[in-house]
Amino acid sequence: MPFVRGQSGNPKGRNPKSRALTEILEVAGRQKMPTESGDLVEPRRLLARMLWAVLTTGETELPSGETLRFSAKDWLETAKFVYSQIDGPVKPQMPTEGSERPLKRKVFTLEDLEEKDERELMQLYREAGGET
């Protein structure tokens, strides 16, 4: 088929992406597995319990019975991950009519501030959105 300017080379469009890994994980997550205590539990429920244990206590027990303790940094990363899965990524907020105006941010060095008198400092504060 020769190239025709302005005409799609694939008139039917692209095939929808397969979610094979997601489907495989969903099926595997529903298949019950035995724990150390002999209980049968769905892996997805076990994972959810383990994540909540980490978030509430900083540690969790693995299916092998071993306790896994999280550092503060790892705990924070886990909390961010769980939050993003529940609420989705944070969307930037645009100011709307009637909302408070966003604060302007400007970085000053200590030398910058030492050179200014009190009146100039108050003016900078007001310009940045502060109230006096």
C-alpha atoms as a PDB file:
ATOM      1  CA  MET A   1       0.000   0.000   0.000  1.00  0.00           C
ATOM      2  CA  PRO A   2       1.614   3.283  -1.058  1.00  0.00           C
ATOM      3  CA  PHE A   3       1.923   6.186   1.382  1.00  0.00           C
ATOM      4  CA  VAL A   4      -0.927   8.680   1.074  1.00  0.00           C
ATOM      5  CA  ARG A   5      -0.407  12.037   2.771  1.00  0.00           C
ATOM      6  CA  GLY A   6      -3.043  12.760   5.452  1.00  0.00           C
ATOM      7  CA  GLN A   7      -4.286   9.169   5.617  1.00  0.00           C
ATOM      8  CA  SER A   8      -3.566   6.875   8.527  1.00  0.00           C
ATOM      9  CA  GLY A   9      -1.411   3.862   7.766  1.00  0.00           C
ATOM     10  CA  ASN A  10      -3.507   1.908  10.238  1.00  0.00           C
ATOM     11  CA  PRO A  11      -7.157   2.855   9.688  1.00  0.00           C
ATOM     12  CA  LYS A  12      -8.405   0.426  12.351  1.00  0.00           C
ATOM     13  CA  GLY A  13      -6.183   2.066  14.950  1.00  0.00           C
ATOM     14  CA  ARG A  14      -3.742   0.521  17.373  1.00  0.00           C
ATOM     15  CA  ASN A  15      -4.684  -2.687  19.138  1.00  0.00           C
ATOM     16  CA  PRO A  16      -5.669  -2.085  22.750  1.00  0.00           C
ATOM     17  CA  LYS A  17      -2.847  -2.822  25.163  1.00  0.00           C
ATOM     18  CA  SER A  18      -3.134  -6.122  26.907  1.00  0.00           C
ATOM     19  CA  ARG A  19      -2.972  -6.025  30.683  1.00  0.00           C
ATOM     20  CA  ALA A  20      -1.503  -9.512  30.867  1.00  0.00           C
ATOM     21  CA  LEU A  21       0.611  -8.954  34.000  1.00  0.00           C
ATOM     22  CA  THR A  22      -2.276  -7.312  35.834  1.00  0.00           C
ATOM     23  CA  GLU A  23      -4.563 -10.202  34.918  1.00  0.00           C
ATOM     24  CA  ILE A  24      -1.967 -12.782  35.982  1.00  0.00           C
ATOM     25  CA  LEU A  25      -1.466 -11.015  39.332  1.00  0.00           C
ATOM     26  CA  GLU A  26      -5.228 -10.787  39.892  1.00  0.00           C
ATOM     27  CA  VAL A  27      -5.659 -14.526  39.305  1.00  0.00           C
ATOM     28  CA  ALA A  28      -2.663 -15.432  41.486  1.00  0.00           C
ATOM     29  CA  GLY A  29      -3.836 -13.046  44.208  1.00  0.00           C
ATOM     30  CA  ARG A  30      -7.137 -14.893  44.527  1.00  0.00           C
ATOM     31  CA  GLN A  31      -5.621 -18.387  44.885  1.00  0.00           C
ATOM     32  CA  LYS A  32      -5.434 -19.302  48.560  1.00  0.00           C
ATOM     33  CA  MET A  33      -2.086 -20.333  50.004  1.00  0.00           C
ATOM     34  CA  PRO A  34      -1.156 -21.806  53.382  1.00  0.00           C
ATOM     35  CA  THR A  35       0.562 -19.673  56.020  1.00  0.00           C
ATOM     36  CA  GLU A  36       2.986 -20.886  58.728  1.00  0.00           C
ATOM     37  CA  SER A  37       0.011 -21.425  61.053  1.00  0.00           C
ATOM     38  CA  GLY A  38      -1.685 -23.609  58.429  1.00  0.00           C
ATOM     39  CA  ASP A  39      -4.458 -21.134  57.634  1.00  0.00           C
ATOM     40  CA  LEU A  40      -5.437 -20.689  54.005  1.00  0.00           C
ATOM     41  CA  VAL A  41      -5.389 -17.045  52.938  1.00  0.00           C
ATOM     42  CA  GLU A  42      -5.536 -15.136  49.661  1.00  0.00           C
ATOM     43  CA  PRO A  43      -2.112 -13.578  48.935  1.00  0.00           C
ATOM     44  CA  ARG A  44      -3.692 -10.201  48.148  1.00  0.00           C
ATOM     45  CA  ARG A  45      -5.323 -10.140  51.600  1.00  0.00           C
ATOM     46  CA  LEU A  46      -2.068 -11.240  53.217  1.00  0.00           C
ATOM     47  CA  LEU A  47      -0.215  -8.455  51.394  1.00  0.00           C
ATOM     48  CA  ALA A  48      -2.808  -5.898  52.520  1.00  0.00           C
ATOM     49  CA  ARG A  49      -2.459  -7.059  56.146  1.00  0.00           C
ATOM     50  CA  MET A  50       1.333  -6.894  55.913  1.00  0.00           C
ATOM     51  CA  LEU A  51       1.266  -3.360  54.449  1.00  0.00           C
ATOM     52  CA  TRP A  52      -1.072  -2.094  57.179  1.00  0.00           C
ATOM     53  CA  ALA A  53       1.104  -3.734  59.828  1.00  0.00           C
ATOM     54  CA  VAL A  54       4.142  -1.912  58.445  1.00  0.00           C
ATOM     55  CA  LEU A  55       2.304   1.410  58.402  1.00  0.00           C
ATOM     56  CA  THR A  56       0.944   1.051  61.927  1.00  0.00           C
ATOM     57  CA  THR A  57       3.863  -0.636  63.700  1.00  0.00           C
ATOM     58  CA  GLY A  58       6.909  -0.265  61.452  1.00  0.00           C
ATOM     59  CA  GLU A  59       7.285  -4.013  61.119  1.00  0.00           C
ATOM     60  CA  THR A  60       5.494  -6.994  59.641  1.00  0.00           C
ATOM     61  CA  GLU A  61       5.685 -10.746  59.821  1.00  0.00           C
ATOM     62  CA  LEU A  62       6.540 -12.538  56.595  1.00  0.00           C
ATOM     63  CA  PRO A  63       4.721 -15.776  55.672  1.00  0.00           C
ATOM     64  CA  SER A  64       7.879 -17.640  56.726  1.00  0.00           C
ATOM     65  CA  GLY A  65       7.413 -16.321  60.273  1.00  0.00           C
ATOM     66  CA  GLU A  66      10.381 -13.951  60.064  1.00  0.00           C
ATOM     67  CA  THR A  67       9.793 -10.381  61.296  1.00  0.00           C
ATOM     68  CA  LEU A  68      10.746  -7.610  58.904  1.00  0.00           C
ATOM     69  CA  ARG A  69      11.478  -4.223  60.526  1.00  0.00           C
ATOM     70  CA  PHE A  70      11.374  -1.049  58.444  1.00  0.00           C
ATOM     71  CA  SER A  71      13.662   1.957  58.812  1.00  0.00           C
ATOM     72  CA  ALA A  72      12.026   5.389  58.998  1.00  0.00           C
ATOM     73  CA  LYS A  73      13.002   6.010  55.372  1.00  0.00           C
ATOM     74  CA  ASP A  74      11.543   2.696  54.187  1.00  0.00           C
ATOM     75  CA  TRP A  75       8.394   3.287  56.240  1.00  0.00           C
ATOM     76  CA  LEU A  76       7.923   6.701  54.602  1.00  0.00           C
ATOM     77  CA  GLU A  77       8.403   5.256  51.107  1.00  0.00           C
ATOM     78  CA  THR A  78       5.874   2.516  51.919  1.00  0.00           C
ATOM     79  CA  ALA A  79       3.393   5.095  53.203  1.00  0.00           C
ATOM     80  CA  LYS A  80       3.825   7.165  50.019  1.00  0.00           C
ATOM     81  CA  PHE A  81       3.317   4.056  47.881  1.00  0.00           C
ATOM     82  CA  VAL A  82       0.145   2.994  49.698  1.00  0.00           C
ATOM     83  CA  TYR A  83      -1.235   6.539  49.627  1.00  0.00           C
ATOM     84  CA  SER A  84      -0.605   6.810  45.874  1.00  0.00           C
ATOM     85  CA  GLN A  85      -2.406   3.498  45.299  1.00  0.00           C
ATOM     86  CA  ILE A  86      -5.419   4.607  47.329  1.00  0.00           C
ATOM     87  CA  ASP A  87      -5.803   8.223  46.227  1.00  0.00           C
ATOM     88  CA  GLY A  88      -3.725   8.323  43.060  1.00  0.00           C
ATOM     89  CA  PRO A  89      -0.976  10.851  42.373  1.00  0.00           C
ATOM     90  CA  VAL A  90      -1.321  14.320  43.829  1.00  0.00           C
ATOM     91  CA  LYS A  91      -2.629  16.770  41.236  1.00  0.00           C
ATOM     92  CA  PRO A  92      -1.365  20.345  41.275  1.00  0.00           C
ATOM     93  CA  GLN A  93      -4.048  22.719  42.519  1.00  0.00           C
ATOM     94  CA  MET A  94      -4.761  25.847  40.533  1.00  0.00           C
ATOM     95  CA  PRO A  95      -6.066  28.817  42.503  1.00  0.00           C
ATOM     96  CA  THR A  96      -9.757  29.416  41.869  1.00  0.00           C
ATOM     97  CA  GLU A  97     -11.733  32.610  42.106  1.00  0.00           C
ATOM     98  CA  GLY A  98     -12.310  33.460  45.734  1.00  0.00           C
ATOM     99  CA  SER A  99      -9.538  31.182  46.976  1.00  0.00           C
ATOM    100  CA  GLU A 100      -6.582  32.574  48.832  1.00  0.00           C
ATOM    101  CA  ARG A 101      -3.795  33.588  46.551  1.00  0.00           C
ATOM    102  CA  PRO A 102      -0.781  31.287  46.638  1.00  0.00           C
ATOM    103  CA  LEU A 103       2.233  32.490  48.571  1.00  0.00           C
ATOM    104  CA  LYS A 104       5.085  33.780  46.456  1.00  0.00           C
ATOM    105  CA  ARG A 105       8.336  32.228  47.455  1.00  0.00           C
ATOM    106  CA  LYS A 106      11.658  33.976  47.313  1.00  0.00           C
ATOM    107  CA  VAL A 107      14.875  32.765  48.847  1.00  0.00           C
ATOM    108  CA  PHE A 108      17.024  35.214  50.768  1.00  0.00           C
ATOM    109  CA  THR A 109      20.429  34.659  52.237  1.00  0.00           C
ATOM    110  CA  LEU A 110      21.216  35.787  55.763  1.00  0.00           C
ATOM    111  CA  GLU A 111      23.375  38.553  54.302  1.00  0.00           C
ATOM    112  CA  ASP A 112      20.389  39.804  52.236  1.00  0.00           C
ATOM    113  CA  LEU A 113      18.251  40.051  55.344  1.00  0.00           C
ATOM    114  CA  GLU A 114      20.933  41.639  57.519  1.00  0.00           C
ATOM    115  CA  GLU A 115      21.240  44.504  55.017  1.00  0.00           C
ATOM    116  CA  LYS A 116      17.522  45.398  55.259  1.00  0.00           C
ATOM    117  CA  ASP A 117      15.891  47.437  57.983  1.00  0.00           C
ATOM    118  CA  GLU A 118      12.650  46.416  59.720  1.00  0.00           C
ATOM    119  CA  ARG A 119      10.437  48.406  57.322  1.00  0.00           C
ATOM    120  CA  GLU A 120      11.974  46.697  54.278  1.00  0.00           C
ATOM    121  CA  LEU A 121      11.625  43.275  55.911  1.00  0.00           C
ATOM    122  CA  MET A 122       7.928  43.899  56.615  1.00  0.00           C
ATOM    123  CA  GLN A 123       7.409  44.993  52.996  1.00  0.00           C
ATOM    124  CA  LEU A 124       9.036  41.771  51.722  1.00  0.00           C
ATOM    125  CA  TYR A 125       6.818  39.762  54.065  1.00  0.00           C
ATOM    126  CA  ARG A 126       3.643  41.460  52.771  1.00  0.00           C
ATOM    127  CA  GLU A 127       4.735  40.990  49.140  1.00  0.00           C
ATOM    128  CA  ALA A 128       5.152  37.293  49.848  1.00  0.00           C
ATOM    129  CA  GLY A 129       1.522  37.097  50.957  1.00  0.00           C
ATOM    130  CA  GLY A 130       1.995  37.471  54.711  1.00  0.00           C
ATOM    131  CA  GLU A 131      -0.398  39.523  56.771  1.00  0.00           C
ATOM    132  CA  THR A 132       0.598  41.980  59.469  1.00  0.00           C
END
